[in-house]
Amino acid sequence: MTRALTRLREAGARAWWYVRELNGEHAYDRYVAHARSHDPHVRVLSRREFENRRIDRRDADPREGGGCC
């Protein structure tokens, strides 16, 4: 029973990682880790600021289909 539960938890963790990766939620975590690794005293953007900038960049990129009209 314990082994089956452990395998189920591991499978759930992998599935959750995959969903977050497809959603782009890991992008903020990677950004924070990268920013702090270069300078621990740097001001890190809040999640909202990061997402707003990411959306603005995506909308300005013609390859993403933003700004077509």
PDB file of N, CA and C in Angstrom:
ATOM      1  N   MET A   1       0.826  -1.197   0.000  1.00  0.00           N
ATOM      2  CA  MET A   1       0.000   0.000   0.000  1.00  0.00           C
ATOM      3  C   MET A   1       0.865   1.253   0.000  1.00  0.00           C
ATOM      4  N   THR A   2       1.900   1.288   0.840  1.00  0.00           N
ATOM      5  CA  THR A   2       2.757   2.468   0.935  1.00  0.00           C
ATOM      6  C   THR A   2       3.494   2.720  -0.371  1.00  0.00           C
ATOM      7  N   ARG A   3       3.967   1.631  -0.991  1.00  0.00           N
ATOM      8  CA  ARG A   3       4.690   1.778  -2.252  1.00  0.00           C
ATOM      9  C   ARG A   3       3.778   2.315  -3.349  1.00  0.00           C
ATOM     10  N   ALA A   4       2.563   1.847  -3.383  1.00  0.00           N
ATOM     11  CA  ALA A   4       1.604   2.313  -4.383  1.00  0.00           C
ATOM     12  C   ALA A   4       1.289   3.796  -4.163  1.00  0.00           C
ATOM     13  N   LEU A   5       1.152   4.193  -2.917  1.00  0.00           N
ATOM     14  CA  LEU A   5       0.876   5.590  -2.599  1.00  0.00           C
ATOM     15  C   LEU A   5       2.049   6.481  -2.999  1.00  0.00           C
ATOM     16  N   THR A   6       3.262   6.007  -2.754  1.00  0.00           N
ATOM     17  CA  THR A   6       4.456   6.763  -3.137  1.00  0.00           C
ATOM     18  C   THR A   6       4.517   6.933  -4.652  1.00  0.00           C
ATOM     19  N   ARG A   7       4.239   5.869  -5.381  1.00  0.00           N
ATOM     20  CA  ARG A   7       4.260   5.947  -6.845  1.00  0.00           C
ATOM     21  C   ARG A   7       3.171   6.878  -7.360  1.00  0.00           C
ATOM     22  N   LEU A   8       2.022   6.854  -6.708  1.00  0.00           N
ATOM     23  CA  LEU A   8       0.931   7.742  -7.099  1.00  0.00           C
ATOM     24  C   LEU A   8       1.309   9.199  -6.862  1.00  0.00           C
ATOM     25  N   ARG A   9       1.931   9.483  -5.731  1.00  0.00           N
ATOM     26  CA  ARG A   9       2.381  10.857  -5.440  1.00  0.00           C
ATOM     27  C   ARG A   9       3.430  11.320  -6.442  1.00  0.00           C
ATOM     28  N   GLU A  10       4.361  10.436  -6.775  1.00  0.00           N
ATOM     29  CA  GLU A  10       5.389  10.796  -7.749  1.00  0.00           C
ATOM     30  C   GLU A  10       4.775  11.076  -9.114  1.00  0.00           C
ATOM     31  N   ALA A  11       3.818  10.255  -9.509  1.00  0.00           N
ATOM     32  CA  ALA A  11       3.147  10.476 -10.788  1.00  0.00           C
ATOM     33  C   ALA A  11       2.380  11.793 -10.768  1.00  0.00           C
ATOM     34  N   GLY A  12       1.739  12.102  -9.647  1.00  0.00           N
ATOM     35  CA  GLY A  12       1.026  13.369  -9.510  1.00  0.00           C
ATOM     36  C   GLY A  12       1.964  14.555  -9.584  1.00  0.00           C
ATOM     37  N   ALA A  13       3.126  14.429  -8.950  1.00  0.00           N
ATOM     38  CA  ALA A  13       4.110  15.512  -8.969  1.00  0.00           C
ATOM     39  C   ALA A  13       4.616  15.749 -10.396  1.00  0.00           C
ATOM     40  N   ARG A  14       4.866  14.662 -11.124  1.00  0.00           N
ATOM     41  CA  ARG A  14       5.317  14.807 -12.519  1.00  0.00           C
ATOM     42  C   ARG A  14       4.232  15.448 -13.375  1.00  0.00           C
ATOM     43  N   ALA A  15       3.000  15.037 -13.173  1.00  0.00           N
ATOM     44  CA  ALA A  15       1.893  15.611 -13.943  1.00  0.00           C
ATOM     45  C   ALA A  15       1.732  17.094 -13.618  1.00  0.00           C
ATOM     46  N   TRP A  16       1.842  17.455 -12.342  1.00  0.00           N
ATOM     47  CA  TRP A  16       1.721  18.853 -11.930  1.00  0.00           C
ATOM     48  C   TRP A  16       2.845  19.687 -12.547  1.00  0.00           C
ATOM     49  N   TRP A  17       4.078  19.151 -12.564  1.00  0.00           N
ATOM     50  CA  TRP A  17       5.204  19.858 -13.173  1.00  0.00           C
ATOM     51  C   TRP A  17       4.907  20.103 -14.651  1.00  0.00           C
ATOM     52  N   TYR A  18       4.393  19.083 -15.323  1.00  0.00           N
ATOM     53  CA  TYR A  18       4.109  19.187 -16.753  1.00  0.00           C
ATOM     54  C   TYR A  18       3.046  20.240 -17.025  1.00  0.00           C
ATOM     55  N   VAL A  19       1.999  20.255 -16.228  1.00  0.00           N
ATOM     56  CA  VAL A  19       0.934  21.253 -16.399  1.00  0.00           C
ATOM     57  C   VAL A  19       1.487  22.651 -16.188  1.00  0.00           C
ATOM     58  N   ARG A  20       2.290  22.848 -15.149  1.00  0.00           N
ATOM     59  CA  ARG A  20       2.881  24.164 -14.892  1.00  0.00           C
ATOM     60  C   ARG A  20       3.830  24.574 -16.013  1.00  0.00           C
ATOM     61  N   GLU A  21       4.555  23.635 -16.560  1.00  0.00           N
ATOM     62  CA  GLU A  21       5.470  23.935 -17.661  1.00  0.00           C
ATOM     63  C   GLU A  21       4.688  24.370 -18.899  1.00  0.00           C
ATOM     64  N   LEU A  22       3.609  23.683 -19.206  1.00  0.00           N
ATOM     65  CA  LEU A  22       2.790  24.056 -20.361  1.00  0.00           C
ATOM     66  C   LEU A  22       2.112  25.403 -20.161  1.00  0.00           C
ATOM     67  N   ASN A  23       1.723  25.715 -18.935  1.00  0.00           N
ATOM     68  CA  ASN A  23       1.081  26.990 -18.618  1.00  0.00           C
ATOM     69  C   ASN A  23       2.059  28.156 -18.620  1.00  0.00           C
ATOM     70  N   GLY A  24       3.329  27.872 -18.476  1.00  0.00           N
ATOM     71  CA  GLY A  24       4.325  28.933 -18.389  1.00  0.00           C
ATOM     72  C   GLY A  24       4.546  29.431 -16.977  1.00  0.00           C
ATOM     73  N   GLU A  25       3.997  28.742 -15.982  1.00  0.00           N
ATOM     74  CA  GLU A  25       4.161  29.186 -14.604  1.00  0.00           C
ATOM     75  C   GLU A  25       5.590  29.032 -14.113  1.00  0.00           C
ATOM     76  N   HIS A  26       6.331  28.106 -14.688  1.00  0.00           N
ATOM     77  CA  HIS A  26       7.721  27.932 -14.283  1.00  0.00           C
ATOM     78  C   HIS A  26       8.590  29.101 -14.731  1.00  0.00           C
ATOM     79  N   ALA A  27       8.110  29.874 -15.679  1.00  0.00           N
ATOM     80  CA  ALA A  27       8.896  31.003 -16.194  1.00  0.00           C
ATOM     81  C   ALA A  27       9.227  31.982 -15.074  1.00  0.00           C
ATOM     82  N   TYR A  28       8.284  32.267 -14.198  1.00  0.00           N
ATOM     83  CA  TYR A  28       8.545  33.203 -13.104  1.00  0.00           C
ATOM     84  C   TYR A  28       9.548  32.609 -12.118  1.00  0.00           C
ATOM     85  N   ASP A  29       9.398  31.344 -11.800  1.00  0.00           N
ATOM     86  CA  ASP A  29      10.338  30.695 -10.880  1.00  0.00           C
ATOM     87  C   ASP A  29      11.756  30.728 -11.446  1.00  0.00           C
ATOM     88  N   ARG A  30      11.884  30.459 -12.750  1.00  0.00           N
ATOM     89  CA  ARG A  30      13.206  30.501 -13.383  1.00  0.00           C
ATOM     90  C   ARG A  30      13.764  31.919 -13.383  1.00  0.00           C
ATOM     91  N   TYR A  31      12.902  32.909 -13.635  1.00  0.00           N
ATOM     92  CA  TYR A  31      13.329  34.306 -13.625  1.00  0.00           C
ATOM     93  C   TYR A  31      13.881  34.701 -12.254  1.00  0.00           C
ATOM     94  N   VAL A  32      13.155  34.360 -11.196  1.00  0.00           N
ATOM     95  CA  VAL A  32      13.590  34.714  -9.837  1.00  0.00           C
ATOM     96  C   VAL A  32      14.915  34.043  -9.513  1.00  0.00           C
ATOM     97  N   ALA A  33      15.041  32.766  -9.815  1.00  0.00           N
ATOM     98  CA  ALA A  33      16.289  32.047  -9.545  1.00  0.00           C
ATOM     99  C   ALA A  33      17.452  32.660 -10.318  1.00  0.00           C
ATOM    100  N   HIS A  34      17.217  33.005 -11.565  1.00  0.00           N
ATOM    101  CA  HIS A  34      18.269  33.594 -12.395  1.00  0.00           C
ATOM    102  C   HIS A  34      18.666  34.976 -11.878  1.00  0.00           C
ATOM    103  N   ALA A  35      17.680  35.794 -11.552  1.00  0.00           N
ATOM    104  CA  ALA A  35      17.965  37.153 -11.076  1.00  0.00           C
ATOM    105  C   ALA A  35      18.740  37.114  -9.766  1.00  0.00           C
ATOM    106  N   ARG A  36      18.350  36.262  -8.863  1.00  0.00           N
ATOM    107  CA  ARG A  36      19.027  36.188  -7.559  1.00  0.00           C
ATOM    108  C   ARG A  36      20.393  35.538  -7.651  1.00  0.00           C
ATOM    109  N   SER A  37      20.607  34.678  -8.641  1.00  0.00           N
ATOM    110  CA  SER A  37      21.919  34.035  -8.766  1.00  0.00           C
ATOM    111  C   SER A  37      22.965  35.024  -9.247  1.00  0.00           C
ATOM    112  N   HIS A  38      22.545  36.037 -10.009  1.00  0.00           N
ATOM    113  CA  HIS A  38      23.491  37.026 -10.505  1.00  0.00           C
ATOM    114  C   HIS A  38      23.753  38.127  -9.484  1.00  0.00           C
ATOM    115  N   ASP A  39      22.742  38.542  -8.770  1.00  0.00           N
ATOM    116  CA  ASP A  39      22.889  39.594  -7.770  1.00  0.00           C
ATOM    117  C   ASP A  39      21.809  39.412  -6.707  1.00  0.00           C
ATOM    118  N   PRO A  40      22.187  38.932  -5.518  1.00  0.00           N
ATOM    119  CA  PRO A  40      21.180  38.667  -4.486  1.00  0.00           C
ATOM    120  C   PRO A  40      20.472  39.924  -3.975  1.00  0.00           C
ATOM    121  N   HIS A  41      21.006  41.097  -4.290  1.00  0.00           N
ATOM    122  CA  HIS A  41      20.417  42.340  -3.786  1.00  0.00           C
ATOM    123  C   HIS A  41      19.548  43.047  -4.824  1.00  0.00           C
ATOM    124  N   VAL A  42      19.436  42.454  -5.997  1.00  0.00           N
ATOM    125  CA  VAL A  42      18.643  43.067  -7.055  1.00  0.00           C
ATOM    126  C   VAL A  42      17.151  42.979  -6.702  1.00  0.00           C
ATOM    127  N   ARG A  43      16.410  44.001  -7.115  1.00  0.00           N
ATOM    128  CA  ARG A  43      14.959  43.987  -6.895  1.00  0.00           C
ATOM    129  C   ARG A  43      14.337  43.054  -7.921  1.00  0.00           C
ATOM    130  N   VAL A  44      13.646  42.066  -7.441  1.00  0.00           N
ATOM    131  CA  VAL A  44      12.985  41.099  -8.305  1.00  0.00           C
ATOM    132  C   VAL A  44      11.560  41.582  -8.558  1.00  0.00           C
ATOM    133  N   LEU A  45      11.131  41.503  -9.804  1.00  0.00           N
ATOM    134  CA  LEU A  45       9.774  41.907 -10.145  1.00  0.00           C
ATOM    135  C   LEU A  45       8.766  41.042  -9.393  1.00  0.00           C
ATOM    136  N   SER A  46       7.645  41.635  -9.065  1.00  0.00           N
ATOM    137  CA  SER A  46       6.567  40.840  -8.479  1.00  0.00           C
ATOM    138  C   SER A  46       6.012  39.937  -9.565  1.00  0.00           C
ATOM    139  N   ARG A  47       5.261  38.958  -9.168  1.00  0.00           N
ATOM    140  CA  ARG A  47       4.665  38.044 -10.152  1.00  0.00           C
ATOM    141  C   ARG A  47       3.789  38.808 -11.135  1.00  0.00           C
ATOM    142  N   ARG A  48       3.021  39.752 -10.627  1.00  0.00           N
ATOM    143  CA  ARG A  48       2.132  40.544 -11.492  1.00  0.00           C
ATOM    144  C   ARG A  48       2.939  41.370 -12.495  1.00  0.00           C
ATOM    145  N   GLU A  49       4.009  42.044 -12.016  1.00  0.00           N
ATOM    146  CA  GLU A  49       4.846  42.831 -12.926  1.00  0.00           C
ATOM    147  C   GLU A  49       5.470  41.941 -13.997  1.00  0.00           C
ATOM    148  N   PHE A  50       5.961  40.779 -13.561  1.00  0.00           N
ATOM    149  CA  PHE A  50       6.585  39.844 -14.498  1.00  0.00           C
ATOM    150  C   PHE A  50       5.593  39.394 -15.567  1.00  0.00           C
ATOM    151  N   GLU A  51       4.391  39.005 -15.132  1.00  0.00           N
ATOM    152  CA  GLU A  51       3.387  38.530 -16.085  1.00  0.00           C
ATOM    153  C   GLU A  51       2.949  39.641 -17.033  1.00  0.00           C
ATOM    154  N   ASN A  52       2.801  40.863 -16.515  1.00  0.00           N
ATOM    155  CA  ASN A  52       2.415  41.985 -17.386  1.00  0.00           C
ATOM    156  C   ASN A  52       3.477  42.237 -18.449  1.00  0.00           C
ATOM    157  N   ARG A  53       4.743  42.209 -18.057  1.00  0.00           N
ATOM    158  CA  ARG A  53       5.815  42.410 -19.039  1.00  0.00           C
ATOM    159  C   ARG A  53       5.864  41.263 -20.041  1.00  0.00           C
ATOM    160  N   ARG A  54       5.641  40.061 -19.570  1.00  0.00           N
ATOM    161  CA  ARG A  54       5.651  38.901 -20.456  1.00  0.00           C
ATOM    162  C   ARG A  54       4.526  38.993 -21.482  1.00  0.00           C
ATOM    163  N   ILE A  55       3.350  39.402 -21.037  1.00  0.00           N
ATOM    164  CA  ILE A  55       2.217  39.561 -21.954  1.00  0.00           C
ATOM    165  C   ILE A  55       2.491  40.680 -22.947  1.00  0.00           C
ATOM    166  N   ASP A  56       3.056  41.793 -22.471  1.00  0.00           N
ATOM    167  CA  ASP A  56       3.386  42.910 -23.373  1.00  0.00           C
ATOM    168  C   ASP A  56       4.383  42.479 -24.437  1.00  0.00           C
ATOM    169  N   ARG A  57       5.418  41.711 -24.035  1.00  0.00           N
ATOM    170  CA  ARG A  57       6.408  41.226 -25.007  1.00  0.00           C
ATOM    171  C   ARG A  57       5.757  40.296 -26.020  1.00  0.00           C
ATOM    172  N   ARG A  58       4.890  39.415 -25.543  1.00  0.00           N
ATOM    173  CA  ARG A  58       4.215  38.478 -26.438  1.00  0.00           C
ATOM    174  C   ARG A  58       3.297  39.214 -27.415  1.00  0.00           C
ATOM    175  N   ASP A  59       2.579  40.224 -26.924  1.00  0.00           N
ATOM    176  CA  ASP A  59       1.683  40.987 -27.794  1.00  0.00           C
ATOM    177  C   ASP A  59       2.444  41.808 -28.831  1.00  0.00           C
ATOM    178  N   ALA A  60       3.648  42.244 -28.503  1.00  0.00           N
ATOM    179  CA  ALA A  60       4.431  43.055 -29.432  1.00  0.00           C
ATOM    180  C   ALA A  60       5.160  42.205 -30.478  1.00  0.00           C
ATOM    181  N   ASP A  61       5.230  40.910 -30.258  1.00  0.00           N
ATOM    182  CA  ASP A  61       5.948  40.009 -31.169  1.00  0.00           C
ATOM    183  C   ASP A  61       5.025  39.591 -32.311  1.00  0.00           C
ATOM    184  N   PRO A  62       5.354  39.961 -33.544  1.00  0.00           N
ATOM    185  CA  PRO A  62       4.477  39.604 -34.672  1.00  0.00           C
ATOM    186  C   PRO A  62       4.395  38.089 -34.910  1.00  0.00           C
ATOM    187  N   ARG A  63       5.389  37.328 -34.466  1.00  0.00           N
ATOM    188  CA  ARG A  63       5.339  35.877 -34.624  1.00  0.00           C
ATOM    189  C   ARG A  63       4.276  35.247 -33.728  1.00  0.00           C
ATOM    190  N   GLU A  64       3.885  35.949 -32.660  1.00  0.00           N
ATOM    191  CA  GLU A  64       2.870  35.436 -31.748  1.00  0.00           C
ATOM    192  C   GLU A  64       1.468  35.833 -32.166  1.00  0.00           C
ATOM    193  N   GLY A  65       1.348  36.651 -33.186  1.00  0.00           N
ATOM    194  CA  GLY A  65       0.033  37.049 -33.675  1.00  0.00           C
ATOM    195  C   GLY A  65      -0.500  38.313 -33.040  1.00  0.00           C
ATOM    196  N   GLY A  66       0.277  38.950 -32.157  1.00  0.00           N
ATOM    197  CA  GLY A  66      -0.177  40.183 -31.517  1.00  0.00           C
ATOM    198  C   GLY A  66       0.030  41.370 -32.419  1.00  0.00           C
ATOM    199  N   GLY A  67      -0.782  42.391 -32.257  1.00  0.00           N
ATOM    200  CA  GLY A  67      -0.639  43.633 -32.996  1.00  0.00           C
ATOM    201  C   GLY A  67      -0.865  43.488 -34.497  1.00  0.00           C
ATOM    202  N   CYS A  68      -1.729  42.598 -34.889  1.00  0.00           N
ATOM    203  CA  CYS A  68      -1.925  42.384 -36.322  1.00  0.00           C
ATOM    204  C   CYS A  68      -2.728  43.487 -36.989  1.00  0.00           C
ATOM    205  N   CYS A  69      -3.534  44.203 -36.217  1.00  0.00           N
ATOM    206  CA  CYS A  69      -4.448  45.156 -36.862  1.00  0.00           C
ATOM    207  C   CYS A  69      -4.110  46.579 -36.534  1.00  0.00           C
TER     208      CYS A  69
END
